[in-house]
Amino acid sequence: MNWKITDHCENTKEIHIEIWVSLFFVILSVGQKQGDYMKNRFEIQGNCLTVHLPREVDHPAADEIRRESDNILRKNYIRTMVFDFSETMFMDSSGIGMIMGRYRAMGMRGNCIRVTGVSVYIEKLLHLSGVYKFVEICREA
């Protein structure tokens, strides 16, 4: 969009300025949401890392979780990862790949990955993909 401020009408100038200010605040709020995206998503208690997953676990979210969890695994001694699905309404194949990647990163040990707060949809997805063989599904969050 290219907005042009014209001199022939004062009201037009005010409208264009208001549009620019509104766009500025929209862009600012989107950037702020992206910065807050991973805040409070990761919780370390002892040697357990809990990842509170967002509402939608799609490719961008899975990449961000993968990057941040790898960072945490490099810096801390983590024996167990818990993925909390209590807020999650949607997950695609990138979420499955992210979970399996964390399983490999944790050394492919039994009981190193747990999922909690799963909905019927997420549980069915975990079973259809075969992830349930490697991941402990806990009914209670």
N, C-alpha and C. Protein backbone atom coordinates (compact mmCIF):
# COMPACT_ATOMS: atom_id res chain seq x y z
N MET A 1 0.84 -1.18 0.00
CA MET A 1 0.00 0.00 0.00
C MET A 1 0.88 1.24 0.00
N ASN A 2 0.54 2.18 -0.83
CA ASN A 2 1.27 3.43 -0.89
C ASN A 2 0.28 4.56 -0.66
N TRP A 3 0.38 5.20 0.49
CA TRP A 3 -0.53 6.28 0.84
C TRP A 3 0.15 7.60 0.53
N LYS A 4 -0.59 8.51 -0.06
CA LYS A 4 -0.04 9.80 -0.44
C LYS A 4 -0.80 10.89 0.30
N ILE A 5 -0.06 11.79 0.95
CA ILE A 5 -0.69 12.91 1.63
C ILE A 5 -0.83 14.04 0.62
N THR A 6 -2.03 14.50 0.47
CA THR A 6 -2.29 15.56 -0.50
C THR A 6 -2.52 16.87 0.24
N ASP A 7 -2.21 17.99 -0.42
CA ASP A 7 -2.35 19.31 0.17
C ASP A 7 -3.70 19.95 -0.09
N HIS A 8 -4.48 19.41 -0.99
CA HIS A 8 -5.70 20.10 -1.38
C HIS A 8 -6.84 19.98 -0.38
N CYS A 9 -6.69 19.16 0.64
CA CYS A 9 -7.78 19.04 1.61
C CYS A 9 -7.21 18.65 2.96
N GLU A 10 -7.44 19.44 3.97
CA GLU A 10 -6.94 19.17 5.31
C GLU A 10 -7.49 17.86 5.87
N ASN A 11 -8.78 17.55 5.63
CA ASN A 11 -9.37 16.33 6.15
C ASN A 11 -8.67 15.09 5.59
N THR A 12 -8.25 15.16 4.34
CA THR A 12 -7.56 14.03 3.73
C THR A 12 -6.23 13.79 4.43
N LYS A 13 -5.51 14.86 4.76
CA LYS A 13 -4.25 14.72 5.48
C LYS A 13 -4.46 14.01 6.81
N GLU A 14 -5.50 14.43 7.53
CA GLU A 14 -5.77 13.84 8.84
C GLU A 14 -6.12 12.35 8.70
N ILE A 15 -6.89 12.01 7.69
CA ILE A 15 -7.27 10.61 7.47
C ILE A 15 -6.03 9.77 7.17
N HIS A 16 -5.17 10.27 6.30
CA HIS A 16 -3.96 9.53 5.94
C HIS A 16 -3.04 9.37 7.14
N ILE A 17 -2.91 10.40 7.93
CA ILE A 17 -2.07 10.32 9.12
C ILE A 17 -2.66 9.30 10.10
N GLU A 18 -3.97 9.31 10.27
CA GLU A 18 -4.60 8.33 11.16
C GLU A 18 -4.37 6.90 10.66
N ILE A 19 -4.44 6.71 9.35
CA ILE A 19 -4.20 5.38 8.79
C ILE A 19 -2.76 4.94 9.06
N TRP A 20 -1.80 5.85 8.86
CA TRP A 20 -0.40 5.51 9.12
C TRP A 20 -0.18 5.16 10.59
N VAL A 21 -0.78 5.94 11.48
CA VAL A 21 -0.63 5.67 12.91
C VAL A 21 -1.25 4.32 13.25
N SER A 22 -2.44 4.04 12.70
CA SER A 22 -3.10 2.76 12.96
C SER A 22 -2.25 1.59 12.45
N LEU A 23 -1.70 1.72 11.24
CA LEU A 23 -0.84 0.67 10.69
C LEU A 23 0.40 0.46 11.55
N PHE A 24 0.96 1.57 12.04
CA PHE A 24 2.14 1.48 12.89
C PHE A 24 1.85 0.66 14.14
N PHE A 25 0.71 0.93 14.79
CA PHE A 25 0.37 0.21 16.01
C PHE A 25 0.01 -1.25 15.73
N VAL A 26 -0.57 -1.53 14.58
CA VAL A 26 -0.86 -2.93 14.22
C VAL A 26 0.45 -3.68 14.03
N ILE A 27 1.39 -3.10 13.31
CA ILE A 27 2.70 -3.73 13.09
C ILE A 27 3.42 -3.90 14.41
N LEU A 28 3.36 -2.90 15.26
CA LEU A 28 4.01 -2.96 16.57
C LEU A 28 3.42 -4.07 17.42
N SER A 29 2.10 -4.21 17.41
CA SER A 29 1.47 -5.25 18.23
C SER A 29 1.75 -6.65 17.69
N VAL A 30 1.84 -6.81 16.37
CA VAL A 30 2.18 -8.11 15.79
C VAL A 30 3.59 -8.50 16.18
N GLY A 31 4.53 -7.58 16.10
CA GLY A 31 5.90 -7.85 16.52
C GLY A 31 5.98 -8.20 17.99
N GLN A 32 5.18 -7.52 18.80
CA GLN A 32 5.18 -7.79 20.23
C GLN A 32 4.62 -9.18 20.52
N LYS A 33 3.58 -9.59 19.81
CA LYS A 33 3.02 -10.93 20.01
C LYS A 33 4.03 -11.99 19.63
N GLN A 34 4.77 -11.77 18.54
CA GLN A 34 5.77 -12.75 18.14
C GLN A 34 6.89 -12.83 19.16
N GLY A 35 7.26 -11.72 19.77
CA GLY A 35 8.29 -11.72 20.79
C GLY A 35 7.81 -12.42 22.05
N ASP A 36 6.53 -12.30 22.38
CA ASP A 36 5.97 -12.93 23.58
C ASP A 36 5.60 -14.39 23.34
N TYR A 37 5.72 -14.83 22.11
CA TYR A 37 5.25 -16.15 21.72
C TYR A 37 5.82 -17.27 22.59
N MET A 38 7.12 -17.22 22.84
CA MET A 38 7.77 -18.30 23.58
C MET A 38 7.91 -18.01 25.07
N LYS A 39 7.50 -16.83 25.51
CA LYS A 39 7.57 -16.52 26.94
C LYS A 39 6.69 -17.49 27.70
N ASN A 40 7.20 -17.98 28.80
CA ASN A 40 6.47 -18.88 29.69
C ASN A 40 6.05 -20.19 29.03
N ARG A 41 6.63 -20.55 27.92
CA ARG A 41 6.32 -21.81 27.26
C ARG A 41 7.16 -22.95 27.82
N PHE A 42 8.33 -22.61 28.39
CA PHE A 42 9.26 -23.62 28.86
C PHE A 42 9.44 -23.48 30.37
N GLU A 43 9.33 -24.62 31.05
CA GLU A 43 9.43 -24.62 32.50
C GLU A 43 10.35 -25.77 32.91
N ILE A 44 11.39 -25.44 33.67
CA ILE A 44 12.34 -26.46 34.12
C ILE A 44 12.14 -26.67 35.62
N GLN A 45 11.91 -27.92 35.99
CA GLN A 45 11.81 -28.31 37.40
C GLN A 45 12.73 -29.49 37.61
N GLY A 46 13.84 -29.26 38.29
CA GLY A 46 14.83 -30.32 38.46
C GLY A 46 15.43 -30.70 37.12
N ASN A 47 15.29 -31.96 36.76
CA ASN A 47 15.81 -32.41 35.46
C ASN A 47 14.68 -32.70 34.46
N CYS A 48 13.54 -32.02 34.67
CA CYS A 48 12.37 -32.18 33.80
C CYS A 48 12.05 -30.86 33.11
N LEU A 49 11.93 -30.91 31.79
CA LEU A 49 11.54 -29.73 31.01
C LEU A 49 10.10 -29.90 30.55
N THR A 50 9.24 -28.95 30.94
CA THR A 50 7.85 -28.97 30.49
C THR A 50 7.68 -27.91 29.42
N VAL A 51 7.12 -28.31 28.28
CA VAL A 51 6.86 -27.40 27.18
C VAL A 51 5.35 -27.22 27.06
N HIS A 52 4.88 -26.02 27.35
CA HIS A 52 3.46 -25.70 27.23
C HIS A 52 3.21 -25.28 25.78
N LEU A 53 2.57 -26.14 25.04
CA LEU A 53 2.40 -25.93 23.60
C LEU A 53 1.32 -24.88 23.33
N PRO A 54 1.47 -24.14 22.21
CA PRO A 54 0.48 -23.12 21.86
C PRO A 54 -0.80 -23.73 21.32
N ARG A 55 -1.75 -22.88 21.01
CA ARG A 55 -3.06 -23.31 20.51
C ARG A 55 -2.93 -24.10 19.21
N GLU A 56 -2.02 -23.67 18.33
CA GLU A 56 -1.79 -24.35 17.06
C GLU A 56 -0.32 -24.73 16.95
N VAL A 57 -0.05 -26.01 16.78
CA VAL A 57 1.32 -26.47 16.58
C VAL A 57 1.47 -26.76 15.09
N ASP A 58 1.86 -25.71 14.36
CA ASP A 58 2.09 -25.82 12.93
C ASP A 58 3.58 -25.68 12.68
N HIS A 59 3.97 -25.54 11.41
CA HIS A 59 5.39 -25.51 11.08
C HIS A 59 6.17 -24.40 11.79
N PRO A 60 5.71 -23.13 11.76
CA PRO A 60 6.46 -22.07 12.45
C PRO A 60 6.57 -22.31 13.96
N ALA A 61 5.49 -22.75 14.58
CA ALA A 61 5.51 -23.00 16.03
C ALA A 61 6.44 -24.16 16.35
N ALA A 62 6.38 -25.23 15.57
CA ALA A 62 7.23 -26.39 15.80
C ALA A 62 8.71 -26.03 15.65
N ASP A 63 9.05 -25.21 14.65
CA ASP A 63 10.44 -24.77 14.48
C ASP A 63 10.92 -23.97 15.68
N GLU A 64 10.10 -23.06 16.16
CA GLU A 64 10.48 -22.23 17.31
C GLU A 64 10.65 -23.09 18.57
N ILE A 65 9.75 -24.03 18.79
CA ILE A 65 9.84 -24.92 19.95
C ILE A 65 11.07 -25.81 19.83
N ARG A 66 11.33 -26.29 18.65
CA ARG A 66 12.50 -27.14 18.40
C ARG A 66 13.78 -26.38 18.72
N ARG A 67 13.90 -25.15 18.20
CA ARG A 67 15.09 -24.34 18.43
C ARG A 67 15.30 -24.05 19.92
N GLU A 68 14.24 -23.60 20.57
CA GLU A 68 14.36 -23.22 21.98
C GLU A 68 14.62 -24.43 22.87
N SER A 69 13.94 -25.54 22.61
CA SER A 69 14.17 -26.74 23.44
C SER A 69 15.58 -27.28 23.23
N ASP A 70 16.10 -27.24 22.01
CA ASP A 70 17.49 -27.65 21.77
C ASP A 70 18.46 -26.78 22.57
N ASN A 71 18.18 -25.50 22.60
CA ASN A 71 18.99 -24.56 23.40
C ASN A 71 18.99 -24.96 24.87
N ILE A 72 17.82 -25.24 25.39
CA ILE A 72 17.68 -25.62 26.80
C ILE A 72 18.38 -26.95 27.07
N LEU A 73 18.24 -27.91 26.16
CA LEU A 73 18.89 -29.21 26.33
C LEU A 73 20.41 -29.09 26.33
N ARG A 74 20.95 -28.16 25.55
CA ARG A 74 22.40 -27.94 25.52
C ARG A 74 22.91 -27.36 26.84
N LYS A 75 22.10 -26.51 27.46
CA LYS A 75 22.55 -25.78 28.65
C LYS A 75 22.21 -26.47 29.96
N ASN A 76 21.26 -27.40 29.98
CA ASN A 76 20.79 -28.01 31.21
C ASN A 76 20.80 -29.53 31.10
N TYR A 77 20.88 -30.18 32.25
CA TYR A 77 20.77 -31.63 32.29
C TYR A 77 19.28 -31.97 32.40
N ILE A 78 18.71 -32.44 31.31
CA ILE A 78 17.28 -32.76 31.25
C ILE A 78 17.14 -34.26 30.99
N ARG A 79 16.41 -34.95 31.86
CA ARG A 79 16.17 -36.39 31.68
C ARG A 79 14.78 -36.67 31.11
N THR A 80 13.84 -35.74 31.34
CA THR A 80 12.47 -35.96 30.90
C THR A 80 11.91 -34.69 30.28
N MET A 81 11.21 -34.85 29.18
CA MET A 81 10.49 -33.73 28.58
C MET A 81 9.00 -34.04 28.62
N VAL A 82 8.23 -33.05 29.02
CA VAL A 82 6.78 -33.18 29.08
C VAL A 82 6.19 -32.14 28.13
N PHE A 83 5.38 -32.59 27.19
CA PHE A 83 4.68 -31.68 26.28
C PHE A 83 3.25 -31.54 26.79
N ASP A 84 2.90 -30.33 27.18
CA ASP A 84 1.57 -30.04 27.71
C ASP A 84 0.67 -29.55 26.57
N PHE A 85 -0.29 -30.37 26.20
CA PHE A 85 -1.21 -30.07 25.09
C PHE A 85 -2.52 -29.45 25.57
N SER A 86 -2.60 -29.00 26.81
CA SER A 86 -3.88 -28.55 27.35
C SER A 86 -4.47 -27.35 26.59
N GLU A 87 -3.65 -26.52 25.95
CA GLU A 87 -4.17 -25.38 25.18
C GLU A 87 -4.28 -25.69 23.69
N THR A 88 -3.73 -26.80 23.25
CA THR A 88 -3.59 -27.08 21.82
C THR A 88 -4.89 -27.61 21.21
N MET A 89 -5.30 -26.96 20.13
CA MET A 89 -6.50 -27.36 19.40
C MET A 89 -6.16 -28.00 18.05
N PHE A 90 -4.96 -27.70 17.53
CA PHE A 90 -4.57 -28.18 16.21
C PHE A 90 -3.10 -28.53 16.20
N MET A 91 -2.75 -29.62 15.54
CA MET A 91 -1.35 -29.99 15.32
C MET A 91 -1.24 -30.68 13.98
N ASP A 92 -0.23 -30.31 13.22
CA ASP A 92 -0.02 -30.97 11.93
C ASP A 92 1.22 -31.87 12.02
N SER A 93 1.67 -32.37 10.89
CA SER A 93 2.78 -33.33 10.88
C SER A 93 4.08 -32.73 11.40
N SER A 94 4.23 -31.42 11.30
CA SER A 94 5.46 -30.81 11.83
C SER A 94 5.52 -30.94 13.35
N GLY A 95 4.37 -30.97 14.01
CA GLY A 95 4.33 -31.21 15.45
C GLY A 95 4.77 -32.62 15.80
N ILE A 96 4.34 -33.59 14.98
CA ILE A 96 4.76 -34.98 15.16
C ILE A 96 6.27 -35.08 14.98
N GLY A 97 6.79 -34.44 13.95
CA GLY A 97 8.23 -34.43 13.70
C GLY A 97 9.01 -33.78 14.83
N MET A 98 8.44 -32.72 15.40
CA MET A 98 9.09 -32.03 16.51
C MET A 98 9.18 -32.95 17.73
N ILE A 99 8.11 -33.67 18.03
CA ILE A 99 8.11 -34.59 19.17
C ILE A 99 9.12 -35.72 18.94
N MET A 100 9.10 -36.30 17.75
CA MET A 100 10.04 -37.39 17.45
C MET A 100 11.50 -36.89 17.47
N GLY A 101 11.71 -35.68 17.01
CA GLY A 101 13.05 -35.09 17.06
C GLY A 101 13.54 -34.90 18.49
N ARG A 102 12.64 -34.51 19.39
CA ARG A 102 13.02 -34.37 20.80
C ARG A 102 13.30 -35.74 21.40
N TYR A 103 12.57 -36.76 20.97
CA TYR A 103 12.81 -38.14 21.43
C TYR A 103 14.22 -38.57 21.03
N ARG A 104 14.61 -38.29 19.80
CA ARG A 104 15.97 -38.62 19.35
C ARG A 104 17.01 -37.80 20.12
N ALA A 105 16.71 -36.51 20.33
CA ALA A 105 17.65 -35.64 21.05
C ALA A 105 17.84 -36.09 22.50
N MET A 106 16.84 -36.72 23.07
CA MET A 106 16.91 -37.20 24.45
C MET A 106 17.56 -38.58 24.53
N GLY A 107 18.05 -39.11 23.43
CA GLY A 107 18.76 -40.38 23.44
C GLY A 107 17.89 -41.59 23.21
N MET A 108 16.65 -41.38 22.79
CA MET A 108 15.72 -42.47 22.47
C MET A 108 15.57 -43.45 23.64
N ARG A 109 15.53 -42.91 24.85
CA ARG A 109 15.34 -43.72 26.05
C ARG A 109 13.86 -43.87 26.34
N GLY A 110 13.50 -44.97 26.94
CA GLY A 110 12.11 -45.16 27.35
C GLY A 110 11.73 -44.16 28.44
N ASN A 111 10.51 -43.71 28.42
CA ASN A 111 9.96 -42.78 29.41
C ASN A 111 10.67 -41.43 29.47
N CYS A 112 11.35 -41.02 28.41
CA CYS A 112 11.99 -39.71 28.43
C CYS A 112 11.06 -38.62 27.89
N ILE A 113 10.00 -38.99 27.17
CA ILE A 113 9.05 -38.02 26.63
C ILE A 113 7.65 -38.39 27.11
N ARG A 114 6.94 -37.40 27.65
CA ARG A 114 5.55 -37.58 28.06
C ARG A 114 4.71 -36.48 27.44
N VAL A 115 3.45 -36.79 27.20
CA VAL A 115 2.50 -35.77 26.76
C VAL A 115 1.34 -35.74 27.75
N THR A 116 0.87 -34.55 28.05
CA THR A 116 -0.24 -34.39 28.99
C THR A 116 -1.29 -33.47 28.38
N GLY A 117 -2.47 -33.50 28.94
CA GLY A 117 -3.54 -32.60 28.51
C GLY A 117 -3.99 -32.82 27.08
N VAL A 118 -3.91 -34.06 26.60
CA VAL A 118 -4.25 -34.32 25.20
C VAL A 118 -5.77 -34.37 25.01
N SER A 119 -6.23 -33.77 23.93
CA SER A 119 -7.64 -33.87 23.55
C SER A 119 -7.83 -35.17 22.78
N VAL A 120 -9.05 -35.49 22.47
CA VAL A 120 -9.35 -36.69 21.69
C VAL A 120 -8.65 -36.60 20.33
N TYR A 121 -8.70 -35.42 19.73
CA TYR A 121 -8.08 -35.19 18.41
C TYR A 121 -6.57 -35.45 18.47
N ILE A 122 -5.89 -34.86 19.46
CA ILE A 122 -4.44 -35.01 19.58
C ILE A 122 -4.08 -36.47 19.88
N GLU A 123 -4.84 -37.10 20.75
CA GLU A 123 -4.56 -38.51 21.08
C GLU A 123 -4.71 -39.39 19.84
N LYS A 124 -5.74 -39.14 19.06
CA LYS A 124 -5.94 -39.92 17.83
C LYS A 124 -4.77 -39.69 16.86
N LEU A 125 -4.32 -38.46 16.76
CA LEU A 125 -3.19 -38.12 15.90
C LEU A 125 -1.92 -38.83 16.36
N LEU A 126 -1.69 -38.88 17.66
CA LEU A 126 -0.52 -39.57 18.20
C LEU A 126 -0.59 -41.07 17.93
N HIS A 127 -1.78 -41.64 17.99
CA HIS A 127 -1.93 -43.07 17.72
C HIS A 127 -1.79 -43.37 16.23
N LEU A 128 -2.42 -42.56 15.38
CA LEU A 128 -2.35 -42.80 13.94
C LEU A 128 -0.92 -42.66 13.41
N SER A 129 -0.16 -41.74 13.98
CA SER A 129 1.21 -41.51 13.52
C SER A 129 2.20 -42.53 14.10
N GLY A 130 1.79 -43.26 15.14
CA GLY A 130 2.67 -44.24 15.76
C GLY A 130 3.54 -43.66 16.87
N VAL A 131 3.39 -42.39 17.16
CA VAL A 131 4.19 -41.74 18.20
C VAL A 131 3.91 -42.33 19.57
N TYR A 132 2.71 -42.84 19.77
CA TYR A 132 2.33 -43.39 21.08
C TYR A 132 3.27 -44.52 21.52
N LYS A 133 3.96 -45.16 20.57
CA LYS A 133 4.89 -46.24 20.91
C LYS A 133 6.13 -45.73 21.64
N PHE A 134 6.46 -44.46 21.42
CA PHE A 134 7.68 -43.87 21.97
C PHE A 134 7.41 -42.86 23.07
N VAL A 135 6.17 -42.47 23.23
CA VAL A 135 5.80 -41.38 24.12
C VAL A 135 4.77 -41.88 25.13
N GLU A 136 4.95 -41.52 26.38
CA GLU A 136 3.97 -41.87 27.41
C GLU A 136 2.86 -40.83 27.40
N ILE A 137 1.63 -41.28 27.22
CA ILE A 137 0.47 -40.37 27.20
C ILE A 137 -0.15 -40.37 28.58
N CYS A 138 -0.08 -39.22 29.26
CA CYS A 138 -0.66 -39.07 30.60
C CYS A 138 -2.01 -38.38 30.44
N ARG A 139 -3.02 -38.93 31.02
CA ARG A 139 -4.38 -38.38 30.90
C ARG A 139 -4.53 -37.05 31.63
N GLU A 140 -3.87 -36.89 32.76
CA GLU A 140 -4.04 -35.67 33.55
C GLU A 140 -2.91 -34.71 33.25
N ALA A 141 -3.27 -33.41 33.16
CA ALA A 141 -2.27 -32.37 32.88
C ALA A 141 -1.49 -32.02 34.12
